[in-house]
C-alpha atoms as a PDB file:
ATOM      1  CA  MET A   1     -39.988 126.176-200.815  1.00  0.00           C
ATOM      2  CA  ALA A   2     -36.919 125.835-203.032  1.00  0.00           C
ATOM      3  CA  VAL A   3     -37.354 126.357-206.777  1.00  0.00           C
ATOM      4  CA  PRO A   4     -37.174 123.048-208.706  1.00  0.00           C
ATOM      5  CA  ARG A   5     -33.926 122.986-210.655  1.00  0.00           C
ATOM      6  CA  PHE A   6     -32.230 120.918-213.320  1.00  0.00           C
ATOM      7  CA  ALA A   7     -28.704 120.875-214.745  1.00  0.00           C
ATOM      8  CA  PHE A   8     -28.042 120.670-218.465  1.00  0.00           C
ATOM      9  CA  LEU A   9     -24.487 119.768-219.465  1.00  0.00           C
ATOM     10  CA  VAL A  10     -22.996 121.009-222.734  1.00  0.00           C
ATOM     11  CA  HIS A  11     -19.602 120.895-224.423  1.00  0.00           C
ATOM     12  CA  PRO A  12     -17.878 122.825-227.239  1.00  0.00           C
ATOM     13  CA  LEU A  13     -17.957 121.362-230.727  1.00  0.00           C
ATOM     14  CA  VAL A  14     -14.826 123.098-232.054  1.00  0.00           C
ATOM     15  CA  PRO A  15     -11.597 124.506-230.514  1.00  0.00           C
ATOM     16  CA  LEU A  16     -12.761 128.121-230.872  1.00  0.00           C
ATOM     17  CA  ALA A  17     -15.879 127.375-228.842  1.00  0.00           C
ATOM     18  CA  GLN A  18     -13.720 125.620-226.254  1.00  0.00           C
ATOM     19  CA  ARG A  19     -11.614 128.754-225.870  1.00  0.00           C
ATOM     20  CA  LEU A  20     -14.671 130.977-225.651  1.00  0.00           C
ATOM     21  CA  GLN A  21     -16.049 128.730-222.917  1.00  0.00           C
ATOM     22  CA  GLY A  22     -12.764 129.066-221.032  1.00  0.00           C
ATOM     23  CA  LEU A  23     -13.014 132.834-221.359  1.00  0.00           C
ATOM     24  CA  ARG A  24     -16.619 132.870-220.103  1.00  0.00           C
ATOM     25  CA  THR A  25     -15.733 130.809-217.025  1.00  0.00           C
ATOM     26  CA  ALA A  26     -12.418 132.580-216.325  1.00  0.00           C
ATOM     27  CA  ARG A  27     -10.460 129.388-217.003  1.00  0.00           C
ATOM     28  CA  PHE A  28      -7.752 131.286-218.812  1.00  0.00           C
ATOM     29  CA  GLY A  29      -5.598 128.215-219.426  1.00  0.00           C
ATOM     30  CA  VAL A  30      -8.460 126.766-221.470  1.00  0.00           C
ATOM     31  CA  ALA A  31      -9.065 130.156-223.110  1.00  0.00           C
ATOM     32  CA  THR A  32      -5.461 130.414-224.285  1.00  0.00           C
ATOM     33  CA  GLY A  33      -5.083 126.756-225.241  1.00  0.00           C
ATOM     34  CA  ALA A  34      -2.535 126.072-222.495  1.00  0.00           C
ATOM     35  CA  ARG A  35      -4.985 123.576-220.917  1.00  0.00           C
ATOM     36  CA  ASP A  36      -6.928 120.976-222.875  1.00  0.00           C
ATOM     37  CA  GLY A  37     -10.154 121.198-220.849  1.00  0.00           C
ATOM     38  CA  THR A  38      -9.994 117.677-219.439  1.00  0.00           C
ATOM     39  CA  ASP A  39      -9.523 118.805-215.830  1.00  0.00           C
ATOM     40  CA  PRO A  40     -12.917 118.404-214.082  1.00  0.00           C
ATOM     41  CA  ASP A  41     -12.302 121.668-212.242  1.00  0.00           C
ATOM     42  CA  ASP A  42     -12.564 123.483-215.562  1.00  0.00           C
ATOM     43  CA  CYS A  43     -16.334 122.831-215.575  1.00  0.00           C
ATOM     44  CA  ASP A  44     -18.467 125.827-214.639  1.00  0.00           C
ATOM     45  CA  VAL A  45     -21.865 127.452-215.059  1.00  0.00           C
ATOM     46  CA  LEU A  46     -22.485 129.153-218.412  1.00  0.00           C
ATOM     47  CA  ALA A  47     -26.059 130.451-218.044  1.00  0.00           C
ATOM     48  CA  THR A  48     -29.368 130.065-216.232  1.00  0.00           C
ATOM     49  CA  LEU A  49     -32.951 129.976-217.474  1.00  0.00           C
ATOM     50  CA  HIS A  50     -36.457 129.891-216.011  1.00  0.00           C
ATOM     51  CA  PHE A  51     -39.746 128.499-217.255  1.00  0.00           C
ATOM     52  CA  ARG A  52     -42.988 127.950-215.340  1.00  0.00           C
ATOM     53  CA  GLY A  53     -41.333 127.892-211.941  1.00  0.00           C
ATOM     54  CA  ILE A  54     -38.412 125.667-212.990  1.00  0.00           C
ATOM     55  CA  GLU A  55     -34.806 126.844-213.038  1.00  0.00           C
ATOM     56  CA  GLY A  56     -32.264 125.403-215.457  1.00  0.00           C
ATOM     57  CA  VAL A  57     -28.520 125.683-214.978  1.00  0.00           C
ATOM     58  CA  ILE A  58     -26.389 125.297-218.107  1.00  0.00           C
ATOM     59  CA  VAL A  59     -22.971 123.903-217.177  1.00  0.00           C
ATOM     60  CA  GLY A  60     -20.072 123.697-219.582  1.00  0.00           C
ATOM     61  CA  VAL A  61     -17.781 120.665-219.833  1.00  0.00           C
ATOM     62  CA  PRO A  62     -14.897 122.075-221.912  1.00  0.00           C
ATOM     63  CA  MET A  63     -13.979 118.847-223.698  1.00  0.00           C
ATOM     64  CA  LEU A  64     -14.164 118.514-227.478  1.00  0.00           C
ATOM     65  CA  PRO A  65     -16.065 115.632-229.157  1.00  0.00           C
ATOM     66  CA  ALA A  66     -12.898 113.667-229.950  1.00  0.00           C
ATOM     67  CA  GLN A  67     -11.704 114.009-226.335  1.00  0.00           C
ATOM     68  CA  LEU A  68     -15.037 112.812-224.970  1.00  0.00           C
ATOM     69  CA  LEU A  69     -15.072 109.771-227.224  1.00  0.00           C
ATOM     70  CA  ALA A  70     -11.400 108.891-226.692  1.00  0.00           C
ATOM     71  CA  ASP A  71     -11.391 109.030-222.867  1.00  0.00           C
ATOM     72  CA  GLN A  72     -14.851 108.293-221.566  1.00  0.00           C
ATOM     73  CA  GLU A  73     -13.692 107.867-217.977  1.00  0.00           C
ATOM     74  CA  ALA A  74     -12.335 111.418-218.075  1.00  0.00           C
ATOM     75  CA  ALA A  75     -15.630 112.508-219.627  1.00  0.00           C
ATOM     76  CA  LEU A  76     -17.534 110.873-216.779  1.00  0.00           C
ATOM     77  CA  ARG A  77     -15.374 112.585-214.155  1.00  0.00           C
ATOM     78  CA  SER A  78     -15.978 115.957-215.752  1.00  0.00           C
ATOM     79  CA  MET A  79     -19.719 115.361-216.123  1.00  0.00           C
ATOM     80  CA  HIS A  80     -19.952 114.378-212.462  1.00  0.00           C
ATOM     81  CA  ARG A  81     -18.084 117.534-211.482  1.00  0.00           C
ATOM     82  CA  ALA A  82     -20.420 119.593-213.676  1.00  0.00           C
ATOM     83  CA  VAL A  83     -23.437 118.240-211.792  1.00  0.00           C
ATOM     84  CA  GLN A  84     -21.789 119.202-208.506  1.00  0.00           C
ATOM     85  CA  VAL A  85     -21.054 122.694-209.832  1.00  0.00           C
ATOM     86  CA  ALA A  86     -24.732 123.149-210.733  1.00  0.00           C
ATOM     87  CA  GLY A  87     -25.719 122.832-207.077  1.00  0.00           C
ATOM     88  CA  PRO A  88     -28.879 121.091-205.812  1.00  0.00           C
ATOM     89  CA  VAL A  89     -30.851 119.770-208.805  1.00  0.00           C
ATOM     90  CA  GLY A  90     -33.586 117.225-209.330  1.00  0.00           C
ATOM     91  CA  ALA A  91     -32.658 116.125-212.838  1.00  0.00           C
ATOM     92  CA  VAL A  92     -29.736 116.210-215.263  1.00  0.00           C
ATOM     93  CA  GLY A  93     -29.805 116.536-219.039  1.00  0.00           C
ATOM     94  CA  LEU A  94     -26.987 115.856-221.494  1.00  0.00           C
ATOM     95  CA  GLY A  95     -26.217 117.681-224.720  1.00  0.00           C
ATOM     96  CA  SER A  96     -24.606 116.425-227.943  1.00  0.00           C
ATOM     97  CA  VAL A  97     -21.752 113.894-227.524  1.00  0.00           C
ATOM     98  CA  LEU A  98     -22.153 113.915-223.724  1.00  0.00           C
ATOM     99  CA  SER A  99     -25.317 111.903-224.314  1.00  0.00           C
ATOM    100  CA  VAL A 100     -23.510 109.028-226.039  1.00  0.00           C
ATOM    101  CA  VAL A 101     -20.435 108.495-223.843  1.00  0.00           C
ATOM    102  CA  ALA A 102     -20.062 106.656-220.525  1.00  0.00           C
ATOM    103  CA  GLY A 103     -23.065 104.396-220.959  1.00  0.00           C
ATOM    104  CA  ARG A 104     -25.323 107.051-222.509  1.00  0.00           C
ATOM    105  CA  GLY A 105     -26.241 108.640-219.197  1.00  0.00           C
ATOM    106  CA  THR A 106     -26.371 105.459-217.155  1.00  0.00           C
ATOM    107  CA  ALA A 107     -22.890 105.730-215.618  1.00  0.00           C
ATOM    108  CA  LEU A 108     -23.443 109.350-214.591  1.00  0.00           C
ATOM    109  CA  GLN A 109     -26.854 108.493-213.145  1.00  0.00           C
ATOM    110  CA  GLU A 110     -25.278 105.767-211.041  1.00  0.00           C
ATOM    111  CA  ARG A 111     -22.478 108.035-209.887  1.00  0.00           C
ATOM    112  CA  CYS A 112     -24.525 111.112-208.973  1.00  0.00           C
ATOM    113  CA  GLY A 113     -27.717 109.393-207.793  1.00  0.00           C
ATOM    114  CA  LEU A 114     -29.946 111.615-209.921  1.00  0.00           C
ATOM    115  CA  PRO A 115     -32.098 110.863-212.985  1.00  0.00           C
ATOM    116  CA  VAL A 116     -29.955 111.584-216.056  1.00  0.00           C
ATOM    117  CA  THR A 117     -31.715 111.950-219.390  1.00  0.00           C
ATOM    118  CA  THR A 118     -29.973 112.070-222.757  1.00  0.00           C
ATOM    119  CA  GLY A 119     -32.344 114.291-224.720  1.00  0.00           C
ATOM    120  CA  ASN A 120     -33.021 111.497-227.199  1.00  0.00           C
ATOM    121  CA  ALA A 121     -36.780 111.418-226.614  1.00  0.00           C
ATOM    122  CA  ALA A 122     -37.069 115.161-227.227  1.00  0.00           C
ATOM    123  CA  THR A 123     -34.739 115.013-230.222  1.00  0.00           C
ATOM    124  CA  ALA A 124     -36.700 112.181-231.823  1.00  0.00           C
ATOM    125  CA  TRP A 125     -40.010 113.980-231.182  1.00  0.00           C
ATOM    126  CA  ALA A 126     -38.783 117.216-232.776  1.00  0.00           C
ATOM    127  CA  ALA A 127     -37.297 115.420-235.795  1.00  0.00           C
ATOM    128  CA  TRP A 128     -40.415 113.289-236.250  1.00  0.00           C
ATOM    129  CA  LYS A 129     -42.795 116.233-236.207  1.00  0.00           C
ATOM    130  CA  LEU A 130     -40.573 118.441-238.364  1.00  0.00           C
ATOM    131  CA  THR A 131     -40.198 115.674-240.941  1.00  0.00           C
ATOM    132  CA  GLU A 132     -43.927 115.075-241.047  1.00  0.00           C
ATOM    133  CA  SER A 133     -44.477 118.797-241.618  1.00  0.00           C
ATOM    134  CA  VAL A 134     -42.317 118.908-244.762  1.00  0.00           C
ATOM    135  CA  ARG A 135     -42.343 115.519-246.463  1.00  0.00           C
ATOM    136  CA  GLY A 136     -45.924 114.968-247.577  1.00  0.00           C
ATOM    137  CA  ASP A 137     -46.032 111.482-249.112  1.00  0.00           C
ATOM    138  CA  ARG A 138     -42.417 111.486-250.306  1.00  0.00           C
ATOM    139  CA  PRO A 139     -40.186 108.481-249.468  1.00  0.00           C
ATOM    140  CA  THR A 140     -37.985 109.073-246.422  1.00  0.00           C
ATOM    141  CA  ALA A 141     -34.650 107.615-245.327  1.00  0.00           C
ATOM    142  CA  VAL A 142     -32.962 107.820-241.920  1.00  0.00           C
ATOM    143  CA  VAL A 143     -29.170 108.024-241.742  1.00  0.00           C
ATOM    144  CA  GLY A 144     -28.134 106.415-238.464  1.00  0.00           C
ATOM    145  CA  GLY A 145     -31.328 104.403-238.560  1.00  0.00           C
ATOM    146  CA  ARG A 146     -29.861 101.684-236.384  1.00  0.00           C
ATOM    147  CA  GLY A 147     -28.930 104.069-233.571  1.00  0.00           C
ATOM    148  CA  THR A 148     -31.020 105.020-230.552  1.00  0.00           C
ATOM    149  CA  VAL A 149     -32.814 108.008-232.099  1.00  0.00           C
ATOM    150  CA  GLY A 150     -32.731 106.579-235.610  1.00  0.00           C
ATOM    151  CA  ARG A 151     -34.541 103.344-234.747  1.00  0.00           C
ATOM    152  CA  ALA A 152     -37.385 105.266-233.134  1.00  0.00           C
ATOM    153  CA  LEU A 153     -37.633 107.586-236.142  1.00  0.00           C
ATOM    154  CA  VAL A 154     -37.715 104.696-238.602  1.00  0.00           C
ATOM    155  CA  GLU A 155     -40.742 103.322-236.753  1.00  0.00           C
ATOM    156  CA  LEU A 156     -42.493 106.662-236.271  1.00  0.00           C
ATOM    157  CA  LEU A 157     -42.001 107.749-239.881  1.00  0.00           C
ATOM    158  CA  GLY A 158     -42.241 104.397-241.622  1.00  0.00           C
ATOM    159  CA  ALA A 159     -38.852 105.284-243.116  1.00  0.00           C
ATOM    160  CA  VAL A 160     -35.991 103.234-244.573  1.00  0.00           C
ATOM    161  CA  ALA A 161     -32.920 102.807-242.382  1.00  0.00           C
ATOM    162  CA  ASP A 162     -29.518 103.570-243.933  1.00  0.00           C
ATOM    163  CA  PRO A 163     -30.214 102.800-247.600  1.00  0.00           C
ATOM    164  CA  GLN A 164     -27.227 102.338-249.849  1.00  0.00           C
ATOM    165  CA  ASP A 165     -28.400 104.993-252.328  1.00  0.00           C
ATOM    166  CA  LEU A 166     -29.632 108.149-250.581  1.00  0.00           C
ATOM    167  CA  ARG A 167     -30.234 109.857-253.922  1.00  0.00           C
ATOM    168  CA  GLU A 168     -33.415 107.800-254.287  1.00  0.00           C
ATOM    169  CA  PHE A 169     -34.938 109.565-251.279  1.00  0.00           C
ATOM    170  CA  PRO A 170     -36.185 113.165-251.511  1.00  0.00           C
ATOM    171  CA  VAL A 171     -36.400 113.402-247.705  1.00  0.00           C
ATOM    172  CA  VAL A 172     -33.519 112.293-245.478  1.00  0.00           C
ATOM    173  CA  VAL A 173     -33.257 112.499-241.686  1.00  0.00           C
ATOM    174  CA  GLY A 174     -29.730 112.710-240.275  1.00  0.00           C
ATOM    175  CA  ALA A 175     -29.780 110.914-236.927  1.00  0.00           C
ATOM    176  CA  HIS A 176     -26.308 109.431-236.644  1.00  0.00           C
ATOM    177  CA  THR A 177     -24.645 109.563-233.227  1.00  0.00           C
ATOM    178  CA  THR A 178     -21.929 111.864-234.559  1.00  0.00           C
ATOM    179  CA  GLY A 179     -21.735 114.054-237.632  1.00  0.00           C
ATOM    180  CA  GLY A 180     -19.767 114.216-240.859  1.00  0.00           C
ATOM    181  CA  THR A 181     -21.009 110.798-241.987  1.00  0.00           C
ATOM    182  CA  VAL A 182     -22.503 111.716-245.375  1.00  0.00           C
ATOM    183  CA  ALA A 183     -20.650 113.258-248.326  1.00  0.00           C
ATOM    184  CA  PRO A 184     -22.699 116.084-249.864  1.00  0.00           C
ATOM    185  CA  ASP A 185     -22.782 114.414-253.295  1.00  0.00           C
ATOM    186  CA  ARG A 186     -24.725 111.483-251.839  1.00  0.00           C
ATOM    187  CA  LEU A 187     -27.844 113.703-251.731  1.00  0.00           C
ATOM    188  CA  ALA A 188     -29.689 114.514-254.942  1.00  0.00           C
ATOM    189  CA  PRO A 189     -30.600 118.110-255.821  1.00  0.00           C
ATOM    190  CA  GLY A 190     -33.964 118.919-254.274  1.00  0.00           C
ATOM    191  CA  THR A 191     -33.390 116.700-251.234  1.00  0.00           C
ATOM    192  CA  THR A 192     -34.616 117.954-247.864  1.00  0.00           C
ATOM    193  CA  LEU A 193     -32.278 116.941-245.029  1.00  0.00           C
ATOM    194  CA  ILE A 194     -33.724 117.160-241.512  1.00  0.00           C
ATOM    195  CA  ASP A 195     -30.574 117.040-239.412  1.00  0.00           C
ATOM    196  CA  VAL A 196     -30.264 116.253-235.699  1.00  0.00           C
ATOM    197  CA  ALA A 197     -26.612 115.134-235.714  1.00  0.00           C
ATOM    198  CA  LEU A 198     -24.103 117.321-233.859  1.00  0.00           C
ATOM    199  CA  PRO A 199     -21.694 117.983-235.508  1.00  0.00           C
ATOM    200  CA  PRO A 200     -23.904 118.017-238.637  1.00  0.00           C
ATOM    201  CA  THR A 201     -24.504 114.992-240.858  1.00  0.00           C
ATOM    202  CA  LEU A 202     -22.852 116.340-244.009  1.00  0.00           C
ATOM    203  CA  SER A 203     -19.071 116.221-244.274  1.00  0.00           C
ATOM    204  CA  GLY A 204     -19.055 119.450-246.288  1.00  0.00           C
ATOM    205  CA  PRO A 205     -21.337 122.236-247.576  1.00  0.00           C
ATOM    206  CA  ALA A 206     -24.719 121.162-248.876  1.00  0.00           C
ATOM    207  CA  GLY A 207     -24.892 120.613-252.622  1.00  0.00           C
ATOM    208  CA  PRO A 208     -26.982 122.620-255.100  1.00  0.00           C
ATOM    209  CA  GLY A 209     -30.690 122.565-254.322  1.00  0.00           C
ATOM    210  CA  VAL A 210     -30.316 120.637-251.047  1.00  0.00           C
ATOM    211  CA  LYS A 211     -32.422 122.083-248.230  1.00  0.00           C
ATOM    212  CA  VAL A 212     -31.067 121.568-244.694  1.00  0.00           C
ATOM    213  CA  VAL A 213     -33.516 121.841-241.798  1.00  0.00           C
ATOM    214  CA  PRO A 214     -32.149 121.895-238.208  1.00  0.00           C
ATOM    215  CA  GLY A 215     -33.993 118.932-236.753  1.00  0.00           C
ATOM    216  CA  GLU A 216     -33.943 120.019-233.121  1.00  0.00           C
ATOM    217  CA  ARG A 217     -34.952 123.608-233.783  1.00  0.00           C
ATOM    218  CA  LEU A 218     -37.876 124.560-231.543  1.00  0.00           C
ATOM    219  CA  PRO A 219     -39.294 128.016-230.807  1.00  0.00           C
ATOM    220  CA  LEU A 220     -38.858 129.272-227.265  1.00  0.00           C
ATOM    221  CA  PRO A 221     -42.142 128.671-225.436  1.00  0.00           C
ATOM    222  CA  LYS A 222     -44.043 131.656-224.042  1.00  0.00           C
ATOM    223  CA  GLY A 223     -42.828 132.580-220.570  1.00  0.00           C
ATOM    224  CA  TRP A 224     -39.209 131.491-221.109  1.00  0.00           C
ATOM    225  CA  SER A 225     -36.658 133.797-219.441  1.00  0.00           C
ATOM    226  CA  ARG A 226     -32.885 133.741-219.074  1.00  0.00           C
ATOM    227  CA  ASP A 227     -30.015 135.731-217.671  1.00  0.00           C
ATOM    228  CA  ALA A 228     -27.741 137.866-219.864  1.00  0.00           C
ATOM    229  CA  TRP A 229     -25.426 134.934-220.508  1.00  0.00           C
ATOM    230  CA  GLY A 230     -28.444 132.871-221.494  1.00  0.00           C
ATOM    231  CA  TRP A 231     -29.014 135.164-224.470  1.00  0.00           C
ATOM    232  CA  ILE A 232     -25.429 134.643-225.558  1.00  0.00           C
ATOM    233  CA  PHE A 233     -25.715 130.872-225.008  1.00  0.00           C
ATOM    234  CA  HIS A 234     -28.758 130.664-227.275  1.00  0.00           C
ATOM    235  CA  VAL A 235     -26.881 132.448-230.042  1.00  0.00           C
ATOM    236  CA  VAL A 236     -23.576 130.596-229.729  1.00  0.00           C
ATOM    237  CA  ALA A 237     -24.844 127.106-228.920  1.00  0.00           C
ATOM    238  CA  GLY A 238     -28.415 127.146-230.219  1.00  0.00           C
ATOM    239  CA  TYR A 239     -30.393 128.363-233.178  1.00  0.00           C
ATOM    240  CA  GLY A 240     -30.559 132.043-232.264  1.00  0.00           C
ATOM    241  CA  VAL A 241     -32.199 134.031-229.501  1.00  0.00           C
ATOM    242  CA  ASP A 242     -35.739 132.827-230.304  1.00  0.00           C
ATOM    243  CA  HIS A 243     -35.135 129.081-230.503  1.00  0.00           C
ATOM    244  CA  VAL A 244     -33.805 126.262-228.369  1.00  0.00           C
ATOM    245  CA  TYR A 245     -32.423 122.749-228.802  1.00  0.00           C
ATOM    246  CA  ALA A 246     -35.064 120.106-228.107  1.00  0.00           C
ATOM    247  CA  CYS A 247     -32.684 118.100-225.897  1.00  0.00           C
ATOM    248  CA  LEU A 248     -32.485 121.012-223.427  1.00  0.00           C
ATOM    249  CA  LEU A 249     -36.214 120.620-222.820  1.00  0.00           C
ATOM    250  CA  GLU A 250     -36.099 116.994-221.720  1.00  0.00           C
ATOM    251  CA  PRO A 251     -35.066 117.499-218.058  1.00  0.00           C
ATOM    252  CA  LEU A 252     -37.277 120.608-217.937  1.00  0.00           C
ATOM    253  CA  VAL A 253     -40.379 118.672-218.982  1.00  0.00           C
ATOM    254  CA  GLN A 254     -39.426 115.912-216.555  1.00  0.00           C
ATOM    255  CA  LEU A 255     -39.635 118.359-213.642  1.00  0.00           C
ATOM    256  CA  LEU A 256     -42.765 120.047-214.992  1.00  0.00           C
ATOM    257  CA  GLU A 257     -44.443 116.638-215.069  1.00  0.00           C
ATOM    258  CA  GLY A 258     -43.232 115.693-211.582  1.00  0.00           C
ATOM    259  CA  ARG A 259     -41.660 112.632-213.134  1.00  0.00           C
ATOM    260  CA  ALA A 260     -39.103 110.796-210.959  1.00  0.00           C
ATOM    261  CA  ALA A 261     -37.424 108.771-213.699  1.00  0.00           C
ATOM    262  CA  ALA A 262     -35.373 110.064-216.616  1.00  0.00           C
ATOM    263  CA  TRP A 263     -37.187 110.104-219.932  1.00  0.00           C
ATOM    264  CA  GLN A 264     -34.436 108.120-221.618  1.00  0.00           C
ATOM    265  CA  ASN A 265     -30.913 106.849-221.107  1.00  0.00           C
ATOM    266  CA  GLY A 266     -28.973 103.872-222.350  1.00  0.00           C
ATOM    267  CA  ARG A 267     -29.544 102.521-225.857  1.00  0.00           C
ATOM    268  CA  ALA A 268     -33.271 101.760-225.768  1.00  0.00           C
ATOM    269  CA  LEU A 269     -35.780 104.351-227.005  1.00  0.00           C
ATOM    270  CA  SER A 270     -39.278 103.250-227.964  1.00  0.00           C
ATOM    271  CA  ALA A 271     -41.677 105.080-230.217  1.00  0.00           C
ATOM    272  CA  ASP A 272     -44.126 105.131-227.291  1.00  0.00           C
ATOM    273  CA  THR A 273     -41.590 106.999-225.154  1.00  0.00           C
ATOM    274  CA  VAL A 274     -41.182 109.595-227.904  1.00  0.00           C
ATOM    275  CA  ARG A 275     -44.944 109.991-228.201  1.00  0.00           C
ATOM    276  CA  GLY A 276     -45.247 110.295-224.419  1.00  0.00           C
ATOM    277  CA  PHE A 277     -42.626 113.005-224.263  1.00  0.00           C
ATOM    278  CA  GLY A 278     -44.339 114.912-227.068  1.00  0.00           C
ATOM    279  CA  GLU A 279     -47.700 114.779-225.320  1.00  0.00           C
ATOM    280  CA  ALA A 280     -46.132 116.055-222.094  1.00  0.00           C
ATOM    281  CA  ALA A 281     -44.204 118.834-223.847  1.00  0.00           C
ATOM    282  CA  THR A 282     -47.331 119.978-225.655  1.00  0.00           C
ATOM    283  CA  ARG A 283     -49.225 120.206-222.357  1.00  0.00           C
ATOM    284  CA  HIS A 284     -46.670 122.776-221.218  1.00  0.00           C
ATOM    285  CA  GLY A 285     -46.829 124.977-224.291  1.00  0.00           C
ATOM    286  CA  ILE A 286     -43.841 123.528-226.154  1.00  0.00           C
ATOM    287  CA  VAL A 287     -44.474 123.119-229.868  1.00  0.00           C
ATOM    288  CA  VAL A 288     -42.667 122.092-233.034  1.00  0.00           C
ATOM    289  CA  GLU A 289     -42.636 124.867-235.623  1.00  0.00           C
ATOM    290  CA  PRO A 290     -42.714 123.950-239.330  1.00  0.00           C
ATOM    291  CA  PRO A 291     -39.533 125.419-240.837  1.00  0.00           C
ATOM    292  CA  GLU A 292     -39.098 127.861-243.652  1.00  0.00           C
ATOM    293  CA  LEU A 293     -37.309 125.793-246.247  1.00  0.00           C
ATOM    294  CA  LYS A 294     -34.469 128.003-247.398  1.00  0.00           C
ATOM    295  CA  LEU A 295     -31.386 126.832-249.205  1.00  0.00           C
ATOM    296  CA  ARG A 296     -28.329 126.756-247.008  1.00  0.00           C
ATOM    297  CA  PRO A 297     -25.573 128.947-248.565  1.00  0.00           C
ATOM    298  CA  ARG A 298     -22.838 126.960-250.260  1.00  0.00           C
END
């Protein structure tokens, strides 16, 4: 019997990462900057992983965030090609800006005929649990509180959505679709920012006394394995060799659960869906780890 497999599509956040991706996949035009990465044939496998009998194939789409947002039809073509490159899979997951373009997974699902999940349920679950672990009874605000993940977090946390004065809130969750939306001086010293935006929420280095917690940072579950490139991928694109982005786990948990439908795509994400994902993830040994609150260097 064939091993159940999923594809997880990622993209570079900055030009240097785009060039490194071109080097990894032997697309030397991308590596040298002679090609802009918008050709679907520049998509290729970056790494593979295994967990509890499931295989994950990480496929790189070498388009930068601005390119993905500016030409969403080109983004869709490249995402479709990336799924084909992955080979036979039962589910597809989307990372970062790939999850918000071309109908937030719906257009790709229609084109490839496979369940496509955005990672939003897993992201919201991780951010919810991490925030609960650090805030106590302190007032909490959600930046991007009217977006897909943000709306669910506002309900789950009983938080305030997009207040005018963030300095009144000692705990802030950054859940905007894209990053760079908050100037550092909008946060008061002593604020804890749980951040799930990629690129990050702050438009510059964190101010004095501001603690920044990566909101999707989860420890690798016991039994996780990866190829040599997978180690490099976790360092370059994740939170180090011992942690993983929550969104990567969404198609994995879908297959572990034998679930036919994607956990989430499009704009709607209910608090019940987030709770359901969390319960399923926990059944398979995936946990949220309370962070060590260290000041991010200025």
